[in-house]
Amino acid sequence: MKWFRVLASVLVLVALSLSVAKITPSVAVAPLSAPCNASALAAAYHGIDEVKSVDSFGCVGHWAYLWANIGSGVHEIGVTDVLYFNSATASWENASRLKDCNPQTLPHYVEFWGCNSN
């Protein structure tokens, strides 16, 4: 009888530990998606380079292009820039067209529209 109680206790402990292991929630972290809209892309520009209007933009994954007018008055100019989404800061940042404008780095869509103009 004594061994029966010990065995029953062990079985109950095993069953409890298995049930706890099964109900433990697992959390999957989804990758932060890059917001692709004119205001999110324009937020990368501050001060004298503030975006006044957006003519065109497009995104593929964490890369984007932006055709916009920046500055004001006699300093207002039209620009085409390439941006990348920095997941650490959850914001768009300017990419180096000199370094990143090549088909090995950029998606074709962003490279075509962001690198082949002014």
N, C-alpha and C. Protein backbone atom coordinates (compact mmCIF):
# COMPACT_ATOMS: atom_id res chain seq x y z
N MET A 1 0.82 -1.18 0.00
CA MET A 1 0.00 0.00 0.00
C MET A 1 0.87 1.26 0.00
N LYS A 2 1.99 1.17 0.75
CA LYS A 2 2.89 2.32 0.82
C LYS A 2 3.46 2.63 -0.56
N TRP A 3 3.86 1.60 -1.30
CA TRP A 3 4.43 1.81 -2.64
C TRP A 3 3.38 2.35 -3.61
N PHE A 4 2.15 1.95 -3.39
CA PHE A 4 1.07 2.44 -4.24
C PHE A 4 0.90 3.94 -4.07
N ARG A 5 0.95 4.44 -2.85
CA ARG A 5 0.83 5.89 -2.59
C ARG A 5 2.01 6.66 -3.17
N VAL A 6 3.19 6.11 -3.05
CA VAL A 6 4.38 6.77 -3.61
C VAL A 6 4.26 6.83 -5.14
N LEU A 7 3.87 5.74 -5.74
CA LEU A 7 3.72 5.70 -7.18
C LEU A 7 2.61 6.64 -7.64
N ALA A 8 1.52 6.68 -6.93
CA ALA A 8 0.41 7.58 -7.26
C ALA A 8 0.86 9.04 -7.14
N SER A 9 1.61 9.36 -6.11
CA SER A 9 2.12 10.73 -5.92
C SER A 9 3.05 11.13 -7.05
N VAL A 10 3.92 10.23 -7.46
CA VAL A 10 4.85 10.50 -8.56
C VAL A 10 4.07 10.72 -9.85
N LEU A 11 3.08 9.90 -10.11
CA LEU A 11 2.26 10.06 -11.31
C LEU A 11 1.51 11.39 -11.31
N VAL A 12 0.99 11.78 -10.15
CA VAL A 12 0.29 13.08 -10.05
C VAL A 12 1.27 14.22 -10.32
N LEU A 13 2.47 14.17 -9.77
CA LEU A 13 3.48 15.22 -10.01
C LEU A 13 3.87 15.28 -11.48
N VAL A 14 4.04 14.13 -12.12
CA VAL A 14 4.39 14.10 -13.54
C VAL A 14 3.25 14.69 -14.36
N ALA A 15 2.01 14.32 -14.04
CA ALA A 15 0.86 14.84 -14.77
C ALA A 15 0.74 16.35 -14.60
N LEU A 16 0.95 16.85 -13.39
CA LEU A 16 0.89 18.29 -13.16
C LEU A 16 1.99 19.02 -13.92
N SER A 17 3.19 18.49 -13.92
CA SER A 17 4.28 19.16 -14.62
C SER A 17 4.05 19.17 -16.13
N LEU A 18 3.48 18.10 -16.67
CA LEU A 18 3.18 18.06 -18.10
C LEU A 18 2.06 19.04 -18.44
N SER A 19 1.06 19.14 -17.59
CA SER A 19 -0.03 20.06 -17.89
C SER A 19 0.43 21.51 -17.79
N VAL A 20 1.32 21.81 -16.88
CA VAL A 20 1.87 23.16 -16.79
C VAL A 20 2.70 23.48 -18.02
N ALA A 21 3.48 22.51 -18.49
CA ALA A 21 4.30 22.72 -19.68
C ALA A 21 3.44 22.97 -20.90
N LYS A 22 2.27 22.33 -20.99
CA LYS A 22 1.41 22.49 -22.15
C LYS A 22 0.67 23.81 -22.15
N ILE A 23 0.35 24.37 -21.00
CA ILE A 23 -0.43 25.60 -20.98
C ILE A 23 0.45 26.85 -20.89
N THR A 24 1.74 26.66 -20.84
CA THR A 24 2.63 27.81 -20.82
C THR A 24 2.52 28.53 -22.15
N PRO A 25 2.16 29.80 -22.12
CA PRO A 25 2.00 30.51 -23.40
C PRO A 25 3.35 30.75 -24.06
N SER A 26 3.34 30.64 -25.38
CA SER A 26 4.55 30.98 -26.12
C SER A 26 4.29 32.29 -26.84
N VAL A 27 5.25 33.14 -26.84
CA VAL A 27 5.10 34.46 -27.45
C VAL A 27 6.00 34.52 -28.67
N ALA A 28 5.41 34.80 -29.81
CA ALA A 28 6.17 34.99 -31.04
C ALA A 28 6.22 36.48 -31.33
N VAL A 29 7.39 36.97 -31.55
CA VAL A 29 7.55 38.38 -31.85
C VAL A 29 7.49 38.58 -33.35
N ALA A 30 6.49 39.31 -33.78
CA ALA A 30 6.34 39.58 -35.21
C ALA A 30 7.30 40.70 -35.61
N PRO A 31 7.89 40.62 -36.78
CA PRO A 31 8.77 41.69 -37.20
C PRO A 31 7.99 42.99 -37.39
N LEU A 32 8.60 44.07 -37.04
CA LEU A 32 7.97 45.38 -37.16
C LEU A 32 7.89 45.75 -38.63
N SER A 33 6.67 45.98 -39.10
CA SER A 33 6.53 46.34 -40.51
C SER A 33 6.75 47.83 -40.69
N ALA A 34 7.33 48.17 -41.80
CA ALA A 34 7.64 49.56 -42.10
C ALA A 34 6.39 50.26 -42.64
N PRO A 35 5.97 51.36 -42.03
CA PRO A 35 4.81 52.09 -42.54
C PRO A 35 5.18 52.78 -43.85
N CYS A 36 4.41 52.54 -44.88
CA CYS A 36 4.71 53.13 -46.19
C CYS A 36 3.64 54.15 -46.54
N ASN A 37 3.84 55.37 -46.09
CA ASN A 37 2.96 56.46 -46.46
C ASN A 37 3.78 57.75 -46.50
N ALA A 38 3.24 58.77 -47.14
CA ALA A 38 3.99 60.01 -47.36
C ALA A 38 4.44 60.64 -46.04
N SER A 39 3.59 60.66 -45.04
CA SER A 39 3.97 61.32 -43.79
C SER A 39 5.06 60.56 -43.05
N ALA A 40 5.03 59.22 -43.08
CA ALA A 40 6.08 58.45 -42.42
C ALA A 40 7.43 58.66 -43.10
N LEU A 41 7.44 58.70 -44.43
CA LEU A 41 8.69 58.92 -45.16
C LEU A 41 9.18 60.36 -44.98
N ALA A 42 8.27 61.32 -44.98
CA ALA A 42 8.65 62.73 -44.83
C ALA A 42 9.18 63.04 -43.44
N ALA A 43 8.84 62.21 -42.46
CA ALA A 43 9.29 62.45 -41.09
C ALA A 43 10.81 62.36 -40.95
N ALA A 44 11.49 61.79 -41.94
CA ALA A 44 12.96 61.69 -41.90
C ALA A 44 13.63 63.04 -42.11
N TYR A 45 12.87 64.04 -42.53
CA TYR A 45 13.43 65.35 -42.87
C TYR A 45 13.02 66.38 -41.82
N HIS A 46 14.01 67.11 -41.33
CA HIS A 46 13.77 68.10 -40.28
C HIS A 46 14.48 69.40 -40.63
N GLY A 47 14.11 70.46 -39.96
CA GLY A 47 14.81 71.74 -40.11
C GLY A 47 14.69 72.29 -41.52
N ILE A 48 15.81 72.71 -42.07
CA ILE A 48 15.81 73.33 -43.39
C ILE A 48 15.39 72.35 -44.48
N ASP A 49 15.56 71.05 -44.22
CA ASP A 49 15.20 70.03 -45.19
C ASP A 49 13.78 69.49 -45.00
N GLU A 50 12.94 70.21 -44.27
CA GLU A 50 11.58 69.74 -44.02
C GLU A 50 10.82 69.59 -45.34
N VAL A 51 10.09 68.49 -45.47
CA VAL A 51 9.32 68.22 -46.69
C VAL A 51 8.11 69.13 -46.75
N LYS A 52 7.98 69.84 -47.88
CA LYS A 52 6.83 70.73 -48.09
C LYS A 52 5.72 70.01 -48.85
N SER A 53 6.09 69.15 -49.79
CA SER A 53 5.09 68.38 -50.53
C SER A 53 5.74 67.12 -51.07
N VAL A 54 4.93 66.08 -51.23
CA VAL A 54 5.40 64.81 -51.76
C VAL A 54 4.76 64.59 -53.13
N ASP A 55 5.60 64.38 -54.14
CA ASP A 55 5.10 64.13 -55.49
C ASP A 55 4.87 62.64 -55.72
N SER A 56 5.76 61.80 -55.18
CA SER A 56 5.65 60.37 -55.39
C SER A 56 6.47 59.65 -54.33
N PHE A 57 6.09 58.43 -54.04
CA PHE A 57 6.86 57.59 -53.12
C PHE A 57 6.50 56.14 -53.36
N GLY A 58 7.33 55.26 -52.87
CA GLY A 58 7.05 53.84 -52.97
C GLY A 58 7.97 53.05 -52.04
N CYS A 59 7.51 51.89 -51.63
CA CYS A 59 8.28 51.08 -50.68
C CYS A 59 8.30 49.62 -51.12
N VAL A 60 9.40 48.97 -50.80
CA VAL A 60 9.51 47.53 -50.93
C VAL A 60 10.26 47.07 -49.69
N GLY A 61 9.57 46.39 -48.80
CA GLY A 61 10.20 45.93 -47.56
C GLY A 61 10.69 47.11 -46.74
N HIS A 62 11.97 47.09 -46.40
CA HIS A 62 12.55 48.15 -45.58
C HIS A 62 13.25 49.22 -46.42
N TRP A 63 12.95 49.29 -47.70
CA TRP A 63 13.52 50.30 -48.59
C TRP A 63 12.40 51.13 -49.20
N ALA A 64 12.69 52.40 -49.47
CA ALA A 64 11.69 53.28 -50.08
C ALA A 64 12.38 54.36 -50.90
N TYR A 65 11.60 54.97 -51.79
CA TYR A 65 12.06 56.18 -52.47
C TYR A 65 11.05 57.27 -52.20
N LEU A 66 11.50 58.51 -52.30
CA LEU A 66 10.63 59.66 -52.06
C LEU A 66 10.99 60.76 -53.03
N TRP A 67 10.02 61.21 -53.82
CA TRP A 67 10.17 62.40 -54.65
C TRP A 67 9.42 63.50 -53.91
N ALA A 68 10.12 64.54 -53.52
CA ALA A 68 9.48 65.57 -52.69
C ALA A 68 10.12 66.93 -52.93
N ASN A 69 9.44 67.96 -52.46
CA ASN A 69 9.99 69.31 -52.41
C ASN A 69 10.34 69.60 -50.97
N ILE A 70 11.58 70.03 -50.76
CA ILE A 70 12.03 70.35 -49.40
C ILE A 70 12.49 71.79 -49.35
N GLY A 71 12.63 72.30 -48.15
CA GLY A 71 13.06 73.68 -47.96
C GLY A 71 11.91 74.64 -48.17
N SER A 72 12.22 75.92 -48.19
CA SER A 72 11.18 76.92 -48.40
C SER A 72 11.76 78.13 -49.13
N GLY A 73 10.87 78.85 -49.78
CA GLY A 73 11.27 80.06 -50.49
C GLY A 73 12.29 79.77 -51.57
N VAL A 74 13.33 80.61 -51.63
CA VAL A 74 14.36 80.43 -52.66
C VAL A 74 15.19 79.17 -52.42
N HIS A 75 15.07 78.59 -51.24
CA HIS A 75 15.82 77.37 -50.91
C HIS A 75 15.01 76.10 -51.18
N GLU A 76 13.79 76.23 -51.70
CA GLU A 76 12.97 75.06 -51.97
C GLU A 76 13.46 74.37 -53.24
N ILE A 77 13.67 73.05 -53.13
CA ILE A 77 14.13 72.27 -54.29
C ILE A 77 13.39 70.94 -54.33
N GLY A 78 13.34 70.36 -55.51
CA GLY A 78 12.80 69.02 -55.66
C GLY A 78 13.92 68.00 -55.50
N VAL A 79 13.66 66.97 -54.75
CA VAL A 79 14.68 65.95 -54.51
C VAL A 79 14.09 64.56 -54.71
N THR A 80 14.96 63.64 -55.00
CA THR A 80 14.62 62.22 -55.01
C THR A 80 15.58 61.56 -54.05
N ASP A 81 15.05 60.90 -53.06
CA ASP A 81 15.90 60.25 -52.07
C ASP A 81 15.51 58.80 -51.89
N VAL A 82 16.47 58.03 -51.43
CA VAL A 82 16.26 56.64 -51.07
C VAL A 82 16.32 56.57 -49.55
N LEU A 83 15.40 55.84 -48.97
CA LEU A 83 15.33 55.72 -47.51
C LEU A 83 15.33 54.24 -47.12
N TYR A 84 15.71 53.98 -45.88
CA TYR A 84 15.59 52.63 -45.33
C TYR A 84 14.92 52.73 -43.99
N PHE A 85 14.20 51.67 -43.61
CA PHE A 85 13.50 51.65 -42.33
C PHE A 85 14.41 51.06 -41.28
N ASN A 86 14.73 51.86 -40.27
CA ASN A 86 15.57 51.43 -39.17
C ASN A 86 14.66 50.79 -38.12
N SER A 87 14.71 49.49 -38.00
CA SER A 87 13.84 48.78 -37.05
C SER A 87 14.13 49.15 -35.61
N ALA A 88 15.38 49.49 -35.30
CA ALA A 88 15.74 49.83 -33.93
C ALA A 88 15.06 51.12 -33.47
N THR A 89 14.92 52.09 -34.38
CA THR A 89 14.28 53.36 -34.01
C THR A 89 12.84 53.45 -34.53
N ALA A 90 12.41 52.43 -35.28
CA ALA A 90 11.07 52.39 -35.88
C ALA A 90 10.80 53.65 -36.70
N SER A 91 11.79 54.04 -37.50
CA SER A 91 11.62 55.24 -38.32
C SER A 91 12.41 55.11 -39.63
N TRP A 92 11.98 55.89 -40.61
CA TRP A 92 12.67 55.93 -41.89
C TRP A 92 13.86 56.87 -41.78
N GLU A 93 14.95 56.50 -42.44
CA GLU A 93 16.16 57.32 -42.46
C GLU A 93 16.70 57.39 -43.89
N ASN A 94 17.40 58.46 -44.19
CA ASN A 94 17.99 58.61 -45.52
C ASN A 94 19.07 57.55 -45.72
N ALA A 95 19.07 56.98 -46.90
CA ALA A 95 20.13 56.05 -47.29
C ALA A 95 21.11 56.82 -48.17
N SER A 96 22.29 56.31 -48.30
CA SER A 96 23.28 56.93 -49.16
C SER A 96 23.05 56.46 -50.59
N ARG A 97 22.64 57.38 -51.46
CA ARG A 97 22.45 57.00 -52.86
C ARG A 97 23.78 56.57 -53.48
N LEU A 98 24.87 57.17 -53.06
CA LEU A 98 26.18 56.82 -53.58
C LEU A 98 26.52 55.36 -53.25
N LYS A 99 26.22 54.95 -52.03
CA LYS A 99 26.56 53.60 -51.58
C LYS A 99 25.48 52.57 -51.93
N ASP A 100 24.21 52.94 -51.77
CA ASP A 100 23.13 51.95 -51.86
C ASP A 100 22.46 51.84 -53.22
N CYS A 101 22.67 52.79 -54.12
CA CYS A 101 22.01 52.73 -55.42
C CYS A 101 22.70 51.75 -56.35
N ASN A 102 22.44 50.47 -56.11
CA ASN A 102 22.90 49.41 -57.00
C ASN A 102 21.93 48.24 -56.89
N PRO A 103 21.81 47.49 -57.94
CA PRO A 103 20.84 46.39 -57.95
C PRO A 103 21.11 45.29 -56.92
N GLN A 104 22.34 45.20 -56.41
CA GLN A 104 22.64 44.19 -55.41
C GLN A 104 22.11 44.57 -54.04
N THR A 105 21.87 45.86 -53.81
CA THR A 105 21.42 46.32 -52.50
C THR A 105 19.92 46.58 -52.47
N LEU A 106 19.43 47.31 -53.46
CA LEU A 106 18.04 47.75 -53.45
C LEU A 106 17.12 46.85 -54.26
N PRO A 107 15.86 46.76 -53.85
CA PRO A 107 14.88 46.10 -54.71
C PRO A 107 14.77 46.89 -56.02
N HIS A 108 14.50 46.22 -57.12
CA HIS A 108 14.48 46.87 -58.44
C HIS A 108 13.57 48.10 -58.46
N TYR A 109 12.38 47.99 -57.91
CA TYR A 109 11.41 49.09 -57.92
C TYR A 109 11.98 50.35 -57.26
N VAL A 110 12.57 50.20 -56.10
CA VAL A 110 13.15 51.35 -55.38
C VAL A 110 14.38 51.86 -56.11
N GLU A 111 15.21 50.97 -56.61
CA GLU A 111 16.41 51.38 -57.33
C GLU A 111 16.03 52.16 -58.60
N PHE A 112 15.02 51.70 -59.32
CA PHE A 112 14.60 52.36 -60.56
C PHE A 112 14.07 53.76 -60.29
N TRP A 113 13.13 53.88 -59.37
CA TRP A 113 12.49 55.17 -59.13
C TRP A 113 13.29 56.09 -58.21
N GLY A 114 14.11 55.54 -57.34
CA GLY A 114 14.85 56.38 -56.40
C GLY A 114 16.24 56.77 -56.81
N CYS A 115 16.82 56.05 -57.77
CA CYS A 115 18.21 56.29 -58.12
C CYS A 115 18.43 56.85 -59.51
N ASN A 116 17.41 56.90 -60.34
CA ASN A 116 17.58 57.30 -61.72
C ASN A 116 17.03 58.69 -62.03
N SER A 117 17.19 59.60 -61.11
CA SER A 117 16.78 60.98 -61.33
C SER A 117 17.71 61.89 -60.54
N ASN A 118 17.39 63.17 -60.51
CA ASN A 118 18.29 64.16 -59.91
C ASN A 118 19.06 63.55 -58.79
